[in-house]
Amino acid sequence: MGADSYRVGATRLRDALVVLGAVTGPCGFCGHPDQRHRVADAITERVLAGEDAETVGWDYWDREDSRAEVYALELTVAVLAADPRRHGITRGKAAAIDREVWADL
């Protein structure tokens, strides 16, 4: 665990956030390069709290979209994989890696 594993998690999160639409800029609360992470965090919290992933997915995507549950679960896995605490690195190191990973967007 460390910076390399965090970079993989951050890259996975960046790629998973595509289902939430286009990048609209950095987060106004924490400075993360992609403000869509807040929606992904909200989805993750609901799934981890025990809400049905399909129901959570329907709150963010069309009920006719059969992939809504998959999107919710993929984002949950990606958010957990990009948690710096799971990699034993500091927030500062994580922020530097995030800037690198999101530099091309």
C-alpha atoms as a PDB file:
ATOM      1  CA  MET A   1       0.000   0.000   0.000  1.00  0.00           C
ATOM      2  CA  GLY A   2       1.119   3.508  -0.609  1.00  0.00           C
ATOM      3  CA  ALA A   3       1.270   6.170  -3.277  1.00  0.00           C
ATOM      4  CA  ASP A   4       1.272   3.753  -6.208  1.00  0.00           C
ATOM      5  CA  SER A   5      -1.819   1.894  -5.050  1.00  0.00           C
ATOM      6  CA  TYR A   6      -3.552   5.210  -4.324  1.00  0.00           C
ATOM      7  CA  ARG A   7      -2.741   6.415  -7.858  1.00  0.00           C
ATOM      8  CA  VAL A   8      -4.481   3.317  -9.234  1.00  0.00           C
ATOM      9  CA  GLY A   9      -7.521   4.007  -7.034  1.00  0.00           C
ATOM     10  CA  ALA A  10      -7.646   7.672  -8.025  1.00  0.00           C
ATOM     11  CA  THR A  11      -7.428   6.743 -11.702  1.00  0.00           C
ATOM     12  CA  ARG A  12     -10.250   4.256 -11.267  1.00  0.00           C
ATOM     13  CA  LEU A  13     -12.374   6.946  -9.601  1.00  0.00           C
ATOM     14  CA  ARG A  14     -11.618   9.427 -12.389  1.00  0.00           C
ATOM     15  CA  ASP A  15     -12.741   6.892 -14.972  1.00  0.00           C
ATOM     16  CA  ALA A  16     -15.865   5.902 -12.994  1.00  0.00           C
ATOM     17  CA  LEU A  17     -17.025   9.516 -12.635  1.00  0.00           C
ATOM     18  CA  VAL A  18     -17.757   9.612 -16.369  1.00  0.00           C
ATOM     19  CA  VAL A  19     -21.257   8.254 -15.646  1.00  0.00           C
ATOM     20  CA  LEU A  20     -22.014  11.509 -13.794  1.00  0.00           C
ATOM     21  CA  GLY A  21     -21.451  13.684 -16.846  1.00  0.00           C
ATOM     22  CA  ALA A  22     -18.697  16.034 -17.894  1.00  0.00           C
ATOM     23  CA  VAL A  23     -16.127  17.557 -15.568  1.00  0.00           C
ATOM     24  CA  THR A  24     -17.381  20.923 -14.374  1.00  0.00           C
ATOM     25  CA  GLY A  25     -14.397  22.053 -12.349  1.00  0.00           C
ATOM     26  CA  PRO A  26     -12.792  21.646  -8.948  1.00  0.00           C
ATOM     27  CA  CYS A  27     -14.723  21.069  -5.739  1.00  0.00           C
ATOM     28  CA  GLY A  28     -15.529  24.314  -3.962  1.00  0.00           C
ATOM     29  CA  PHE A  29     -15.465  22.638  -0.558  1.00  0.00           C
ATOM     30  CA  CYS A  30     -12.253  20.630  -0.495  1.00  0.00           C
ATOM     31  CA  GLY A  31     -10.364  21.648  -3.632  1.00  0.00           C
ATOM     32  CA  HIS A  32     -10.447  18.170  -5.217  1.00  0.00           C
ATOM     33  CA  PRO A  33      -9.846  18.534  -8.968  1.00  0.00           C
ATOM     34  CA  ASP A  34     -13.301  17.141  -9.823  1.00  0.00           C
ATOM     35  CA  GLN A  35     -16.424  18.321  -8.008  1.00  0.00           C
ATOM     36  CA  ARG A  36     -18.371  15.265  -9.198  1.00  0.00           C
ATOM     37  CA  HIS A  37     -16.649  13.353  -6.402  1.00  0.00           C
ATOM     38  CA  ARG A  38     -19.220  14.807  -3.971  1.00  0.00           C
ATOM     39  CA  VAL A  39     -22.070  13.075  -5.802  1.00  0.00           C
ATOM     40  CA  ALA A  40     -20.066   9.841  -5.860  1.00  0.00           C
ATOM     41  CA  ASP A  41     -19.427  10.228  -2.118  1.00  0.00           C
ATOM     42  CA  ALA A  42     -23.158  10.669  -1.487  1.00  0.00           C
ATOM     43  CA  ILE A  43     -23.978   7.568  -3.518  1.00  0.00           C
ATOM     44  CA  THR A  44     -21.320   5.595  -1.643  1.00  0.00           C
ATOM     45  CA  GLU A  45     -22.595   6.675   1.763  1.00  0.00           C
ATOM     46  CA  ARG A  46     -26.119   5.571   0.882  1.00  0.00           C
ATOM     47  CA  VAL A  47     -25.014   2.178  -0.476  1.00  0.00           C
ATOM     48  CA  LEU A  48     -22.758   1.547   2.539  1.00  0.00           C
ATOM     49  CA  ALA A  49     -25.617   2.532   4.863  1.00  0.00           C
ATOM     50  CA  GLY A  50     -27.602  -0.367   3.447  1.00  0.00           C
ATOM     51  CA  GLU A  51     -29.847   1.265   0.882  1.00  0.00           C
ATOM     52  CA  ASP A  52     -30.610  -0.855  -2.151  1.00  0.00           C
ATOM     53  CA  ALA A  53     -28.115   0.058  -4.898  1.00  0.00           C
ATOM     54  CA  GLU A  54     -30.839  -0.049  -7.543  1.00  0.00           C
ATOM     55  CA  THR A  55     -32.953   2.465  -5.629  1.00  0.00           C
ATOM     56  CA  VAL A  56     -29.941   4.712  -5.107  1.00  0.00           C
ATOM     57  CA  GLY A  57     -29.127   4.452  -8.810  1.00  0.00           C
ATOM     58  CA  TRP A  58     -32.655   5.464  -9.748  1.00  0.00           C
ATOM     59  CA  ASP A  59     -32.233   8.680  -7.772  1.00  0.00           C
ATOM     60  CA  TYR A  60     -29.356   9.693 -10.061  1.00  0.00           C
ATOM     61  CA  TRP A  61     -30.184   8.022 -13.387  1.00  0.00           C
ATOM     62  CA  ASP A  62     -33.352   7.301 -15.332  1.00  0.00           C
ATOM     63  CA  ARG A  63     -35.457   4.451 -13.931  1.00  0.00           C
ATOM     64  CA  GLU A  64     -35.555   2.991 -17.430  1.00  0.00           C
ATOM     65  CA  ASP A  65     -31.760   2.662 -17.430  1.00  0.00           C
ATOM     66  CA  SER A  66     -31.089  -0.916 -16.420  1.00  0.00           C
ATOM     67  CA  ARG A  67     -27.480   0.030 -15.571  1.00  0.00           C
ATOM     68  CA  ALA A  68     -28.373   2.429 -12.726  1.00  0.00           C
ATOM     69  CA  GLU A  69     -27.607  -0.192 -10.063  1.00  0.00           C
ATOM     70  CA  VAL A  70     -24.296  -1.047 -11.733  1.00  0.00           C
ATOM     71  CA  TYR A  71     -23.317   2.625 -11.901  1.00  0.00           C
ATOM     72  CA  ALA A  72     -24.053   3.060  -8.187  1.00  0.00           C
ATOM     73  CA  LEU A  73     -22.015  -0.017  -7.264  1.00  0.00           C
ATOM     74  CA  GLU A  74     -19.114   0.893  -9.565  1.00  0.00           C
ATOM     75  CA  LEU A  75     -18.921   4.378  -8.060  1.00  0.00           C
ATOM     76  CA  THR A  76     -19.013   2.913  -4.543  1.00  0.00           C
ATOM     77  CA  VAL A  77     -16.079   0.616  -5.296  1.00  0.00           C
ATOM     78  CA  ALA A  78     -14.161   3.446  -6.972  1.00  0.00           C
ATOM     79  CA  VAL A  79     -14.703   5.848  -4.052  1.00  0.00           C
ATOM     80  CA  LEU A  80     -13.509   3.240  -1.577  1.00  0.00           C
ATOM     81  CA  ALA A  81     -10.461   2.464  -3.735  1.00  0.00           C
ATOM     82  CA  ALA A  82      -9.560   6.174  -3.828  1.00  0.00           C
ATOM     83  CA  ASP A  83      -9.704   6.698  -0.058  1.00  0.00           C
ATOM     84  CA  PRO A  84      -6.185   7.750   1.017  1.00  0.00           C
ATOM     85  CA  ARG A  85      -6.711   6.249   4.476  1.00  0.00           C
ATOM     86  CA  ARG A  86      -6.835   2.798   2.891  1.00  0.00           C
ATOM     87  CA  HIS A  87      -3.421   3.384   1.341  1.00  0.00           C
ATOM     88  CA  GLY A  88      -1.628   4.828   4.346  1.00  0.00           C
ATOM     89  CA  ILE A  89      -0.802   8.164   2.740  1.00  0.00           C
ATOM     90  CA  THR A  90      -1.429  11.696   3.926  1.00  0.00           C
ATOM     91  CA  ARG A  91      -4.122  13.984   2.533  1.00  0.00           C
ATOM     92  CA  GLY A  92      -1.392  16.227   1.148  1.00  0.00           C
ATOM     93  CA  LYS A  93       0.200  13.368  -0.788  1.00  0.00           C
ATOM     94  CA  ALA A  94      -3.249  12.268  -1.988  1.00  0.00           C
ATOM     95  CA  ALA A  95      -4.025  15.817  -3.184  1.00  0.00           C
ATOM     96  CA  ALA A  96      -0.766  15.931  -5.159  1.00  0.00           C
ATOM     97  CA  ILE A  97      -1.556  12.590  -6.808  1.00  0.00           C
ATOM     98  CA  ASP A  98      -5.121  13.737  -7.555  1.00  0.00           C
ATOM     99  CA  ARG A  99      -3.777  16.815  -9.346  1.00  0.00           C
ATOM    100  CA  GLU A 100      -1.553  14.549 -11.468  1.00  0.00           C
ATOM    101  CA  VAL A 101      -4.332  12.073 -12.252  1.00  0.00           C
ATOM    102  CA  TRP A 102      -6.828  14.800 -13.202  1.00  0.00           C
ATOM    103  CA  ALA A 103      -4.271  17.008 -14.998  1.00  0.00           C
ATOM    104  CA  ASP A 104      -5.379  15.943 -18.469  1.00  0.00           C
ATOM    105  CA  LEU A 105      -9.086  16.711 -17.955  1.00  0.00           C
END
